[in-house]
Amino acid sequence: MLKSLTTSASTASPSTTSVANEPRDEVVDRLQQQLNSLKLKVFKLSQVSFGKSQGLVDSGATHALRPLRPVEPFAGYKTVPVTLANGQQAQLRMTPGGVMVPERADAEPILPMGLLIEKLGCKIEWNSEGVCLRHPQRGILPIQVSGGCPQMARSTTLELIEELENMESMDSQILKKL
């Protein structure tokens, strides 16, 4: 869903000014068609791991994944089909902010590298010396490579996922107002 909205948003950005010129009904119909098409999308995530103290920064993930929070309305979230990086199919719940949430509270968080760049404006440099992640407000964030995978502290990963989730919630509220 995030990738679709991101793709839609990036392709729709140049025409944002023309939306004001379209009749409201046409805009609502077009947005409804886009939402309907999302129901058939299959999402891609890396393997869901449990019990780790790190979070994965994944260049192949299309959606963030975070553990279930206490007292979160899990049953009220939409169930979506997910294709994991190993090809396995799974069903996960998705928050209104577009983040995947498994039932287990000890799931290793996954942060899509593409969304860090597109949505949060981060800059990532990856070379033979390692990975450098620069957040526009937070500055350089500690990140290390383990087994070829960039990882950061679980707490930092969850903070960035929350930042993404809040942005997506605001974006969806704006679309509802159109």
N, C-alpha and C. Protein backbone atom coordinates (compact mmCIF):
# COMPACT_ATOMS: atom_id res chain seq x y z
N MET A 1 0.82 -1.19 0.00
CA MET A 1 0.00 0.00 0.00
C MET A 1 0.87 1.25 0.00
N LEU A 2 1.91 1.24 0.86
CA LEU A 2 2.79 2.42 0.90
C LEU A 2 3.47 2.64 -0.44
N LYS A 3 3.94 1.53 -1.04
CA LYS A 3 4.61 1.68 -2.32
C LYS A 3 3.64 2.23 -3.36
N SER A 4 2.42 1.71 -3.34
CA SER A 4 1.42 2.19 -4.28
C SER A 4 1.10 3.65 -4.04
N LEU A 5 0.93 4.02 -2.77
CA LEU A 5 0.64 5.41 -2.47
C LEU A 5 1.83 6.30 -2.81
N THR A 6 3.05 5.77 -2.53
CA THR A 6 4.25 6.53 -2.86
C THR A 6 4.36 6.70 -4.36
N THR A 7 4.13 5.59 -5.09
CA THR A 7 4.18 5.67 -6.54
C THR A 7 3.11 6.62 -7.06
N SER A 8 1.90 6.48 -6.50
CA SER A 8 0.81 7.36 -6.92
C SER A 8 1.13 8.80 -6.58
N ALA A 9 1.68 9.00 -5.37
CA ALA A 9 2.00 10.36 -4.95
C ALA A 9 3.08 10.96 -5.80
N SER A 10 4.12 10.16 -6.12
CA SER A 10 5.21 10.73 -6.91
C SER A 10 4.78 10.98 -8.34
N THR A 11 3.92 10.12 -8.88
CA THR A 11 3.45 10.38 -10.23
C THR A 11 2.37 11.44 -10.25
N ALA A 12 1.68 11.60 -9.11
CA ALA A 12 0.62 12.59 -9.05
C ALA A 12 1.13 13.97 -8.67
N SER A 13 2.34 14.05 -8.14
CA SER A 13 2.85 15.33 -7.68
C SER A 13 2.80 16.42 -8.73
N PRO A 14 3.27 16.14 -9.98
CA PRO A 14 3.22 17.22 -10.97
C PRO A 14 1.81 17.70 -11.27
N SER A 15 0.83 16.83 -11.07
CA SER A 15 -0.54 17.24 -11.41
C SER A 15 -1.31 17.75 -10.21
N THR A 16 -0.64 17.93 -9.10
CA THR A 16 -1.33 18.38 -7.90
C THR A 16 -2.06 19.69 -8.15
N THR A 17 -1.46 20.57 -8.92
CA THR A 17 -2.11 21.84 -9.19
C THR A 17 -3.36 21.64 -10.04
N SER A 18 -3.36 20.62 -10.90
CA SER A 18 -4.53 20.40 -11.74
C SER A 18 -5.69 19.81 -10.95
N VAL A 19 -5.40 19.18 -9.79
CA VAL A 19 -6.47 18.62 -8.97
C VAL A 19 -7.43 19.73 -8.55
N ALA A 20 -6.90 20.91 -8.28
CA ALA A 20 -7.75 22.02 -7.87
C ALA A 20 -8.71 22.42 -8.98
N ASN A 21 -8.33 22.14 -10.23
CA ASN A 21 -9.17 22.50 -11.37
C ASN A 21 -10.19 21.41 -11.71
N GLU A 22 -10.00 20.18 -11.19
CA GLU A 22 -10.92 19.10 -11.47
C GLU A 22 -12.15 19.23 -10.58
N PRO A 23 -13.29 18.83 -11.11
CA PRO A 23 -14.49 18.81 -10.26
C PRO A 23 -14.27 17.82 -9.11
N ARG A 24 -14.81 18.15 -7.96
CA ARG A 24 -14.61 17.33 -6.75
C ARG A 24 -15.02 15.88 -6.97
N ASP A 25 -16.14 15.64 -7.66
CA ASP A 25 -16.59 14.27 -7.90
C ASP A 25 -15.58 13.46 -8.70
N GLU A 26 -14.94 14.08 -9.68
CA GLU A 26 -13.93 13.38 -10.48
C GLU A 26 -12.73 13.02 -9.63
N VAL A 27 -12.31 13.93 -8.77
CA VAL A 27 -11.18 13.67 -7.88
C VAL A 27 -11.51 12.53 -6.94
N VAL A 28 -12.70 12.56 -6.35
CA VAL A 28 -13.12 11.51 -5.42
C VAL A 28 -13.21 10.17 -6.15
N ASP A 29 -13.77 10.15 -7.35
CA ASP A 29 -13.86 8.91 -8.12
C ASP A 29 -12.48 8.35 -8.43
N ARG A 30 -11.56 9.21 -8.83
CA ARG A 30 -10.19 8.78 -9.16
C ARG A 30 -9.50 8.22 -7.92
N LEU A 31 -9.65 8.90 -6.79
CA LEU A 31 -9.04 8.42 -5.56
C LEU A 31 -9.66 7.10 -5.11
N GLN A 32 -10.98 6.96 -5.27
CA GLN A 32 -11.64 5.71 -4.91
C GLN A 32 -11.13 4.56 -5.77
N GLN A 33 -10.91 4.81 -7.06
CA GLN A 33 -10.37 3.78 -7.95
C GLN A 33 -8.98 3.35 -7.50
N GLN A 34 -8.17 4.34 -7.08
CA GLN A 34 -6.83 4.02 -6.60
C GLN A 34 -6.91 3.18 -5.32
N LEU A 35 -7.80 3.55 -4.41
CA LEU A 35 -7.96 2.77 -3.17
C LEU A 35 -8.46 1.35 -3.47
N ASN A 36 -9.40 1.23 -4.40
CA ASN A 36 -9.91 -0.10 -4.76
C ASN A 36 -8.81 -0.97 -5.34
N SER A 37 -7.92 -0.38 -6.14
CA SER A 37 -6.84 -1.15 -6.74
C SER A 37 -5.85 -1.64 -5.69
N LEU A 38 -5.77 -0.96 -4.55
CA LEU A 38 -4.85 -1.37 -3.49
C LEU A 38 -5.26 -2.68 -2.86
N LYS A 39 -6.54 -3.01 -2.90
CA LYS A 39 -7.03 -4.23 -2.28
C LYS A 39 -6.41 -5.47 -2.92
N LEU A 40 -5.99 -5.36 -4.17
CA LEU A 40 -5.46 -6.51 -4.88
C LEU A 40 -3.94 -6.57 -4.85
N LYS A 41 -3.29 -5.59 -4.26
CA LYS A 41 -1.84 -5.54 -4.24
C LYS A 41 -1.29 -6.61 -3.30
N VAL A 42 -0.13 -7.16 -3.66
CA VAL A 42 0.60 -8.06 -2.79
C VAL A 42 1.81 -7.29 -2.32
N PHE A 43 2.06 -7.31 -1.03
CA PHE A 43 3.14 -6.54 -0.46
C PHE A 43 4.36 -7.41 -0.27
N LYS A 44 5.53 -6.79 -0.28
CA LYS A 44 6.78 -7.52 -0.15
C LYS A 44 7.51 -7.06 1.10
N LEU A 45 7.87 -8.00 1.92
CA LEU A 45 8.65 -7.73 3.12
C LEU A 45 9.77 -8.77 3.21
N SER A 46 10.79 -8.44 3.95
CA SER A 46 11.80 -9.43 4.26
C SER A 46 11.24 -10.43 5.25
N GLN A 47 12.01 -11.42 5.55
CA GLN A 47 11.57 -12.43 6.50
C GLN A 47 11.29 -11.78 7.84
N VAL A 48 10.22 -12.19 8.47
CA VAL A 48 9.87 -11.67 9.79
C VAL A 48 10.67 -12.46 10.82
N SER A 49 11.49 -11.75 11.60
CA SER A 49 12.31 -12.37 12.65
C SER A 49 11.77 -11.93 14.00
N PHE A 50 12.14 -12.70 15.03
CA PHE A 50 11.62 -12.42 16.36
C PHE A 50 12.75 -12.37 17.38
N GLY A 51 12.50 -11.59 18.45
CA GLY A 51 13.39 -11.57 19.59
C GLY A 51 14.71 -10.86 19.40
N LYS A 52 14.86 -10.05 18.42
CA LYS A 52 16.13 -9.36 18.17
C LYS A 52 16.14 -8.01 18.85
N SER A 53 17.32 -7.48 19.10
CA SER A 53 17.44 -6.15 19.71
C SER A 53 17.72 -5.08 18.65
N GLN A 54 17.71 -5.48 17.40
CA GLN A 54 18.01 -4.58 16.30
C GLN A 54 16.78 -4.42 15.42
N GLY A 55 16.88 -3.46 14.52
CA GLY A 55 15.89 -3.29 13.48
C GLY A 55 16.61 -3.36 12.14
N LEU A 56 15.96 -3.89 11.15
CA LEU A 56 16.55 -4.07 9.83
C LEU A 56 16.18 -2.89 8.93
N VAL A 57 17.17 -2.32 8.25
CA VAL A 57 16.93 -1.32 7.22
C VAL A 57 17.02 -2.09 5.90
N ASP A 58 15.87 -2.29 5.27
CA ASP A 58 15.76 -3.22 4.15
C ASP A 58 15.54 -2.49 2.83
N SER A 59 16.46 -2.69 1.89
CA SER A 59 16.34 -2.04 0.59
C SER A 59 15.27 -2.70 -0.28
N GLY A 60 14.85 -3.90 0.05
CA GLY A 60 13.85 -4.60 -0.75
C GLY A 60 12.44 -4.52 -0.22
N ALA A 61 12.27 -4.03 1.00
CA ALA A 61 10.94 -3.99 1.60
C ALA A 61 10.13 -2.84 1.02
N THR A 62 8.85 -3.07 0.83
CA THR A 62 7.96 -2.02 0.34
C THR A 62 7.20 -1.36 1.48
N HIS A 63 7.15 -2.03 2.65
CA HIS A 63 6.39 -1.53 3.79
C HIS A 63 7.18 -1.74 5.06
N ALA A 64 6.97 -0.84 5.99
CA ALA A 64 7.57 -1.02 7.30
C ALA A 64 6.81 -2.09 8.06
N LEU A 65 7.51 -2.74 8.97
CA LEU A 65 6.89 -3.72 9.84
C LEU A 65 7.37 -3.42 11.26
N ARG A 66 6.43 -3.40 12.16
CA ARG A 66 6.78 -3.17 13.57
C ARG A 66 5.97 -4.12 14.42
N PRO A 67 6.46 -4.37 15.64
CA PRO A 67 5.69 -5.26 16.51
C PRO A 67 4.41 -4.60 16.99
N LEU A 68 3.51 -5.42 17.41
CA LEU A 68 2.25 -4.97 17.96
C LEU A 68 2.51 -4.24 19.27
N ARG A 69 1.87 -3.10 19.43
CA ARG A 69 1.99 -2.34 20.67
C ARG A 69 0.92 -2.81 21.66
N PRO A 70 1.22 -2.67 22.97
CA PRO A 70 0.18 -3.03 23.96
C PRO A 70 -1.07 -2.17 23.74
N VAL A 71 -2.20 -2.72 23.95
CA VAL A 71 -3.53 -2.09 23.82
C VAL A 71 -3.78 -1.50 22.42
N GLU A 72 -3.18 -2.08 21.43
CA GLU A 72 -3.41 -1.62 20.05
C GLU A 72 -4.60 -2.40 19.48
N PRO A 73 -5.46 -1.75 18.68
CA PRO A 73 -6.67 -2.42 18.16
C PRO A 73 -6.36 -3.36 16.99
N PHE A 74 -5.58 -4.40 17.23
CA PHE A 74 -5.11 -5.32 16.20
C PHE A 74 -6.25 -5.88 15.35
N ALA A 75 -7.31 -6.32 16.00
CA ALA A 75 -8.43 -6.94 15.27
C ALA A 75 -9.10 -5.97 14.31
N GLY A 76 -8.98 -4.68 14.55
CA GLY A 76 -9.62 -3.69 13.69
C GLY A 76 -8.81 -3.35 12.44
N TYR A 77 -7.56 -3.82 12.38
CA TYR A 77 -6.73 -3.53 11.22
C TYR A 77 -7.07 -4.45 10.05
N LYS A 78 -6.94 -3.92 8.86
CA LYS A 78 -7.21 -4.67 7.64
C LYS A 78 -6.15 -5.77 7.45
N THR A 79 -6.58 -6.96 7.06
CA THR A 79 -5.66 -8.06 6.75
C THR A 79 -5.27 -7.97 5.28
N VAL A 80 -3.97 -8.05 5.01
CA VAL A 80 -3.49 -7.95 3.64
C VAL A 80 -2.55 -9.12 3.33
N PRO A 81 -2.53 -9.57 2.07
CA PRO A 81 -1.58 -10.63 1.69
C PRO A 81 -0.18 -10.04 1.55
N VAL A 82 0.81 -10.79 2.02
CA VAL A 82 2.19 -10.33 1.99
C VAL A 82 3.05 -11.43 1.39
N THR A 83 3.97 -11.05 0.50
CA THR A 83 4.96 -11.98 0.00
C THR A 83 6.28 -11.64 0.66
N LEU A 84 6.82 -12.59 1.40
CA LEU A 84 8.10 -12.38 2.07
C LEU A 84 9.23 -12.51 1.07
N ALA A 85 10.40 -12.02 1.43
CA ALA A 85 11.54 -12.05 0.52
C ALA A 85 11.90 -13.47 0.09
N ASN A 86 11.63 -14.46 0.93
CA ASN A 86 11.93 -15.85 0.58
C ASN A 86 10.83 -16.48 -0.28
N GLY A 87 9.83 -15.70 -0.68
CA GLY A 87 8.77 -16.18 -1.55
C GLY A 87 7.55 -16.71 -0.82
N GLN A 88 7.65 -16.90 0.48
CA GLN A 88 6.51 -17.40 1.25
C GLN A 88 5.40 -16.36 1.29
N GLN A 89 4.18 -16.85 1.35
CA GLN A 89 3.01 -15.99 1.46
C GLN A 89 2.58 -15.93 2.93
N ALA A 90 2.10 -14.78 3.35
CA ALA A 90 1.61 -14.61 4.72
C ALA A 90 0.47 -13.61 4.71
N GLN A 91 -0.29 -13.60 5.76
CA GLN A 91 -1.35 -12.62 5.97
C GLN A 91 -0.94 -11.78 7.17
N LEU A 92 -0.86 -10.48 7.00
CA LEU A 92 -0.52 -9.59 8.11
C LEU A 92 -1.56 -8.49 8.20
N ARG A 93 -1.63 -7.88 9.34
CA ARG A 93 -2.52 -6.73 9.53
C ARG A 93 -1.77 -5.46 9.16
N MET A 94 -2.52 -4.46 8.68
CA MET A 94 -1.93 -3.18 8.31
C MET A 94 -2.63 -2.06 9.06
N THR A 95 -1.82 -1.20 9.66
CA THR A 95 -2.37 -0.05 10.40
C THR A 95 -2.90 0.98 9.41
N PRO A 96 -3.71 1.92 9.87
CA PRO A 96 -4.17 2.99 8.99
C PRO A 96 -3.01 3.81 8.41
N GLY A 97 -1.86 3.79 9.10
CA GLY A 97 -0.67 4.49 8.60
C GLY A 97 0.15 3.67 7.62
N GLY A 98 -0.35 2.48 7.23
CA GLY A 98 0.31 1.68 6.20
C GLY A 98 1.46 0.83 6.69
N VAL A 99 1.52 0.53 7.97
CA VAL A 99 2.60 -0.28 8.53
C VAL A 99 2.07 -1.68 8.85
N MET A 100 2.85 -2.70 8.48
CA MET A 100 2.48 -4.08 8.76
C MET A 100 2.74 -4.38 10.22
N VAL A 101 1.79 -5.15 10.83
CA VAL A 101 1.91 -5.50 12.24
C VAL A 101 1.57 -6.98 12.40
N PRO A 102 2.56 -7.80 12.79
CA PRO A 102 2.25 -9.19 13.11
C PRO A 102 1.67 -9.27 14.52
N GLU A 103 1.08 -10.39 14.87
CA GLU A 103 0.47 -10.53 16.20
C GLU A 103 1.51 -10.51 17.31
N ARG A 104 2.70 -10.98 17.04
CA ARG A 104 3.72 -11.09 18.08
C ARG A 104 4.34 -9.74 18.40
N ALA A 105 4.53 -9.49 19.68
CA ALA A 105 5.10 -8.22 20.13
C ALA A 105 6.62 -8.21 20.04
N ASP A 106 7.25 -9.36 19.75
CA ASP A 106 8.70 -9.40 19.69
C ASP A 106 9.24 -9.46 18.26
N ALA A 107 8.43 -9.05 17.28
CA ALA A 107 8.87 -9.06 15.88
C ALA A 107 9.99 -8.03 15.68
N GLU A 108 10.98 -8.40 14.88
CA GLU A 108 12.06 -7.48 14.55
C GLU A 108 11.51 -6.42 13.60
N PRO A 109 11.66 -5.15 13.93
CA PRO A 109 11.14 -4.11 13.03
C PRO A 109 11.92 -4.06 11.72
N ILE A 110 11.18 -3.77 10.65
CA ILE A 110 11.78 -3.63 9.32
C ILE A 110 11.46 -2.24 8.80
N LEU A 111 12.48 -1.54 8.38
CA LEU A 111 12.36 -0.17 7.89
C LEU A 111 12.77 -0.13 6.43
N PRO A 112 11.84 0.14 5.51
CA PRO A 112 12.19 0.17 4.09
C PRO A 112 13.13 1.34 3.77
N MET A 113 14.25 1.03 3.16
CA MET A 113 15.23 2.05 2.81
C MET A 113 14.64 3.08 1.85
N GLY A 114 13.83 2.62 0.91
CA GLY A 114 13.22 3.52 -0.06
C GLY A 114 12.34 4.57 0.59
N LEU A 115 11.58 4.18 1.62
CA LEU A 115 10.71 5.13 2.31
C LEU A 115 11.51 6.12 3.16
N LEU A 116 12.65 5.66 3.68
CA LEU A 116 13.53 6.59 4.41
C LEU A 116 13.93 7.75 3.50
N ILE A 117 14.23 7.41 2.26
CA ILE A 117 14.68 8.42 1.30
C ILE A 117 13.50 9.24 0.79
N GLU A 118 12.45 8.55 0.31
CA GLU A 118 11.31 9.24 -0.32
C GLU A 118 10.46 10.04 0.64
N LYS A 119 10.13 9.44 1.78
CA LYS A 119 9.19 10.09 2.70
C LYS A 119 9.86 10.95 3.77
N LEU A 120 10.98 10.46 4.30
CA LEU A 120 11.62 11.19 5.40
C LEU A 120 12.76 12.09 4.93
N GLY A 121 13.16 11.96 3.67
CA GLY A 121 14.23 12.82 3.14
C GLY A 121 15.61 12.44 3.64
N CYS A 122 15.78 11.19 4.05
CA CYS A 122 17.10 10.73 4.51
C CYS A 122 18.03 10.56 3.31
N LYS A 123 19.30 10.60 3.61
CA LYS A 123 20.34 10.32 2.61
C LYS A 123 21.12 9.11 3.11
N ILE A 124 21.34 8.17 2.21
CA ILE A 124 22.05 6.95 2.58
C ILE A 124 23.26 6.79 1.67
N GLU A 125 24.39 6.55 2.29
CA GLU A 125 25.62 6.27 1.53
C GLU A 125 26.13 4.92 1.98
N TRP A 126 26.31 4.04 1.02
CA TRP A 126 26.76 2.69 1.33
C TRP A 126 28.00 2.43 0.49
N ASN A 127 29.13 2.22 1.15
CA ASN A 127 30.37 1.94 0.44
C ASN A 127 31.12 0.83 1.17
N SER A 128 32.37 0.59 0.78
CA SER A 128 33.15 -0.50 1.37
C SER A 128 33.40 -0.31 2.87
N GLU A 129 33.27 0.90 3.34
CA GLU A 129 33.49 1.18 4.77
C GLU A 129 32.23 0.95 5.61
N GLY A 130 31.08 0.88 4.99
CA GLY A 130 29.84 0.67 5.71
C GLY A 130 28.72 1.54 5.19
N VAL A 131 27.74 1.78 6.05
CA VAL A 131 26.56 2.55 5.68
C VAL A 131 26.49 3.80 6.54
N CYS A 132 26.15 4.91 5.90
CA CYS A 132 25.94 6.16 6.62
C CYS A 132 24.51 6.61 6.31
N LEU A 133 23.72 6.80 7.36
CA LEU A 133 22.33 7.23 7.22
C LEU A 133 22.20 8.60 7.86
N ARG A 134 21.82 9.59 7.04
CA ARG A 134 21.68 10.96 7.53
C ARG A 134 20.21 11.36 7.45
N HIS A 135 19.64 11.64 8.61
CA HIS A 135 18.25 12.08 8.73
C HIS A 135 18.24 13.61 8.70
N PRO A 136 17.29 14.24 8.00
CA PRO A 136 17.30 15.71 7.87
C PRO A 136 17.22 16.46 9.20
N GLN A 137 16.55 15.91 10.20
CA GLN A 137 16.45 16.59 11.51
C GLN A 137 17.37 15.95 12.56
N ARG A 138 17.54 14.67 12.52
CA ARG A 138 18.29 13.96 13.55
C ARG A 138 19.79 13.87 13.27
N GLY A 139 20.18 14.19 12.05
CA GLY A 139 21.60 14.06 11.68
C GLY A 139 21.97 12.63 11.36
N ILE A 140 23.23 12.29 11.59
CA ILE A 140 23.71 10.94 11.27
C ILE A 140 23.22 9.97 12.34
N LEU A 141 22.60 8.88 11.87
CA LEU A 141 22.08 7.86 12.78
C LEU A 141 23.02 6.66 12.77
N PRO A 142 23.26 6.10 13.95
CA PRO A 142 24.15 4.93 14.01
C PRO A 142 23.53 3.74 13.30
N ILE A 143 24.29 3.18 12.38
CA ILE A 143 23.84 2.03 11.61
C ILE A 143 25.05 1.15 11.36
N GLN A 144 24.85 -0.15 11.44
CA GLN A 144 25.95 -1.08 11.19
C GLN A 144 25.48 -2.16 10.24
N VAL A 145 26.43 -2.82 9.61
CA VAL A 145 26.10 -3.90 8.67
C VAL A 145 26.45 -5.22 9.35
N SER A 146 25.48 -6.10 9.39
CA SER A 146 25.67 -7.43 9.98
C SER A 146 25.19 -8.46 8.97
N GLY A 147 26.09 -9.30 8.52
CA GLY A 147 25.73 -10.31 7.52
C GLY A 147 25.25 -9.69 6.23
N GLY A 148 25.79 -8.51 5.88
CA GLY A 148 25.41 -7.83 4.65
C GLY A 148 24.12 -7.03 4.76
N CYS A 149 23.53 -7.00 5.96
CA CYS A 149 22.27 -6.28 6.15
C CYS A 149 22.47 -5.08 7.08
N PRO A 150 22.06 -3.89 6.63
CA PRO A 150 22.17 -2.73 7.52
C PRO A 150 21.14 -2.83 8.65
N GLN A 151 21.61 -2.58 9.87
CA GLN A 151 20.75 -2.65 11.04
C GLN A 151 21.02 -1.45 11.94
N MET A 152 20.03 -1.11 12.73
CA MET A 152 20.20 -0.05 13.73
C MET A 152 19.48 -0.48 15.00
N ALA A 153 19.70 0.29 16.05
CA ALA A 153 19.05 -0.03 17.32
C ALA A 153 17.54 -0.13 17.13
N ARG A 154 16.96 -1.09 17.79
CA ARG A 154 15.51 -1.32 17.69
C ARG A 154 14.73 -0.05 18.03
N SER A 155 15.14 0.66 19.07
CA SER A 155 14.42 1.87 19.49
C SER A 155 14.44 2.94 18.40
N THR A 156 15.58 3.12 17.75
CA THR A 156 15.69 4.10 16.67
C THR A 156 14.84 3.67 15.48
N THR A 157 14.88 2.39 15.16
CA THR A 157 14.08 1.85 14.05
C THR A 157 12.60 2.11 14.31
N LEU A 158 12.15 1.84 15.53
CA LEU A 158 10.73 2.03 15.86
C LEU A 158 10.34 3.51 15.82
N GLU A 159 11.24 4.39 16.22
CA GLU A 159 10.96 5.84 16.14
C GLU A 159 10.78 6.27 14.69
N LEU A 160 11.64 5.78 13.80
CA LEU A 160 11.54 6.14 12.39
C LEU A 160 10.29 5.55 11.75
N ILE A 161 9.93 4.34 12.15
CA ILE A 161 8.68 3.73 11.64
C ILE A 161 7.49 4.56 12.10
N GLU A 162 7.51 5.00 13.34
CA GLU A 162 6.42 5.84 13.84
C GLU A 162 6.35 7.15 13.06
N GLU A 163 7.50 7.70 12.73
CA GLU A 163 7.52 8.93 11.93
C GLU A 163 6.88 8.69 10.56
N LEU A 164 7.23 7.56 9.93
CA LEU A 164 6.62 7.21 8.64
C LEU A 164 5.12 6.98 8.78
N GLU A 165 4.74 6.28 9.82
CA GLU A 165 3.34 5.95 10.03
C GLU A 165 2.51 7.21 10.25
N ASN A 166 3.04 8.15 10.99
CA ASN A 166 2.34 9.41 11.22
C ASN A 166 2.21 10.21 9.92
N MET A 167 3.24 10.17 9.08
CA MET A 167 3.17 10.87 7.78
C MET A 167 2.08 10.26 6.91
N GLU A 168 2.02 8.93 6.87
CA GLU A 168 1.02 8.25 6.04
C GLU A 168 -0.38 8.52 6.56
N SER A 169 -0.55 8.57 7.88
CA SER A 169 -1.87 8.88 8.44
C SER A 169 -2.30 10.28 8.04
N MET A 170 -1.36 11.22 8.09
CA MET A 170 -1.68 12.60 7.68
C MET A 170 -2.01 12.65 6.20
N ASP A 171 -1.25 11.92 5.36
CA ASP A 171 -1.52 11.88 3.93
C ASP A 171 -2.91 11.33 3.65
N SER A 172 -3.30 10.28 4.38
CA SER A 172 -4.62 9.69 4.13
C SER A 172 -5.74 10.63 4.59
N GLN A 173 -5.50 11.38 5.65
CA GLN A 173 -6.50 12.37 6.10
C GLN A 173 -6.67 13.46 5.06
N ILE A 174 -5.58 13.88 4.45
CA ILE A 174 -5.65 14.90 3.40
C ILE A 174 -6.44 14.39 2.21
N LEU A 175 -6.18 13.11 1.82
CA LEU A 175 -6.94 12.53 0.70
C LEU A 175 -8.42 12.45 0.99
N LYS A 176 -8.78 12.15 2.24
CA LYS A 176 -10.20 12.07 2.61
C LYS A 176 -10.88 13.43 2.46
N LYS A 177 -10.13 14.49 2.73
CA LYS A 177 -10.71 15.83 2.64
C LYS A 177 -10.94 16.26 1.20
N LEU A 178 -10.18 15.65 0.27
CA LEU A 178 -10.40 15.98 -1.14
C LEU A 178 -11.70 15.38 -1.60
